[in-house]
Amino acid sequence: VTCLADESSPAGEYEIVVSGAEAQNYVFTYVNGILTIEEDPDGIANIESDKDDKGTLYDLQGRKIETSNLKRGVYIQNGRKYIRK
């Protein structure tokens, strides 16, 4: 899967291209898509921290983060924004 958008891309629509999968037992039908990045004039509206909340942490790209690898930054935990200073 490829897409020209990244975390610094401006608001707009970006094509998602799917290709290259192979398997003996499957036939793949590729369907490209569109990633829409919407402009958020206020940036992050609010950040809340609940240090007793024990949920899985994700980065802003949706990747699961192990707590032993936690660095400064913004994370998502239980559907809420969380900042680590």
Protein backbone atom coordinates (compact mmCIF):
# COMPACT_ATOMS: atom_id res chain seq x y z
CA VAL A 1 0.00 0.00 0.00
CA THR A 2 1.41 3.39 -0.94
CA CYS A 3 0.22 6.95 -0.45
CA LEU A 4 2.06 10.20 -1.09
CA ALA A 5 0.65 11.78 2.09
CA ASP A 6 2.60 11.78 5.34
CA GLU A 7 2.30 13.52 8.72
CA SER A 8 3.36 16.86 7.22
CA SER A 9 1.02 16.79 4.21
CA PRO A 10 -1.43 19.67 3.86
CA ALA A 11 -5.19 19.19 3.83
CA GLY A 12 -6.47 17.56 0.66
CA GLU A 13 -7.12 14.22 -1.00
CA TYR A 14 -4.38 11.67 -1.68
CA GLU A 15 -4.66 8.46 -3.68
CA ILE A 16 -4.01 5.19 -1.83
CA VAL A 17 -2.58 2.59 -4.22
CA VAL A 18 -2.79 -1.10 -3.36
CA SER A 19 -0.64 -3.68 -5.19
CA GLY A 20 1.91 -6.46 -4.98
CA ALA A 21 0.30 -9.12 -2.77
CA GLU A 22 0.94 -12.74 -3.72
CA ALA A 23 -0.39 -16.06 -2.42
CA GLN A 24 -0.92 -19.51 -3.95
CA ASN A 25 -4.36 -20.00 -2.38
CA TYR A 26 -5.84 -16.54 -2.98
CA VAL A 27 -6.77 -14.25 -5.82
CA PHE A 28 -6.45 -10.57 -4.99
CA THR A 29 -8.64 -7.82 -6.36
CA TYR A 30 -7.08 -4.42 -5.75
CA VAL A 31 -9.24 -1.42 -5.05
CA ASN A 32 -7.45 1.88 -4.70
CA GLY A 33 -8.83 4.46 -2.33
CA ILE A 34 -8.65 8.09 -1.33
CA LEU A 35 -7.17 9.43 1.92
CA THR A 36 -8.80 12.71 2.90
CA ILE A 37 -6.87 14.98 5.24
CA GLU A 38 -9.14 17.63 6.65
CA GLU A 39 -7.85 20.97 7.79
CA ASP A 40 -8.02 21.55 11.54
CA PRO A 41 -7.55 25.29 12.06
CA ASP A 42 -7.14 24.93 15.83
CA GLY A 43 -4.71 21.99 15.82
CA ILE A 44 -5.20 19.74 18.83
CA ALA A 45 -8.19 21.10 20.70
CA ASN A 46 -7.28 19.73 24.10
CA ILE A 47 -4.97 17.27 25.75
CA GLU A 48 -5.91 15.40 28.86
CA SER A 49 -3.70 13.27 31.04
CA ASP A 50 -4.94 10.55 33.34
CA LYS A 51 -1.89 8.81 34.77
CA ASP A 52 -4.03 6.09 36.41
CA ASP A 53 -5.64 5.15 33.09
CA LYS A 54 -4.17 1.80 31.93
CA GLY A 55 -5.08 1.54 28.26
CA THR A 56 -3.09 0.69 25.17
CA LEU A 57 -1.15 3.63 23.77
CA TYR A 58 -1.08 4.50 20.06
CA ASP A 59 0.88 7.15 18.20
CA LEU A 60 -0.90 9.64 15.96
CA GLN A 61 -0.42 7.30 12.99
CA GLY A 62 -2.37 4.57 14.83
CA ARG A 63 0.62 2.36 15.62
CA LYS A 64 0.58 0.55 18.99
CA ILE A 65 3.31 1.84 21.33
CA GLU A 66 5.00 -0.24 24.01
CA THR A 67 5.18 1.77 27.23
CA SER A 68 8.88 0.91 27.56
CA ASN A 69 9.47 2.89 24.30
CA LEU A 70 7.57 6.00 25.41
CA LYS A 71 9.21 9.26 24.39
CA ARG A 72 8.04 12.85 24.56
CA GLY A 73 5.06 13.43 22.30
CA VAL A 74 1.32 13.09 21.79
CA TYR A 75 -0.36 9.68 22.04
CA ILE A 76 -3.89 8.25 21.96
CA GLN A 77 -5.05 6.21 24.96
CA ASN A 78 -8.60 4.90 25.33
CA GLY A 79 -9.73 7.29 22.60
CA ARG A 80 -8.25 10.35 24.33
CA LYS A 81 -5.23 12.49 23.50
CA TYR A 82 -2.36 12.11 25.94
CA ILE A 83 0.85 14.15 26.12
CA ARG A 84 4.15 12.91 27.51
CA LYS A 85 6.55 15.70 28.50
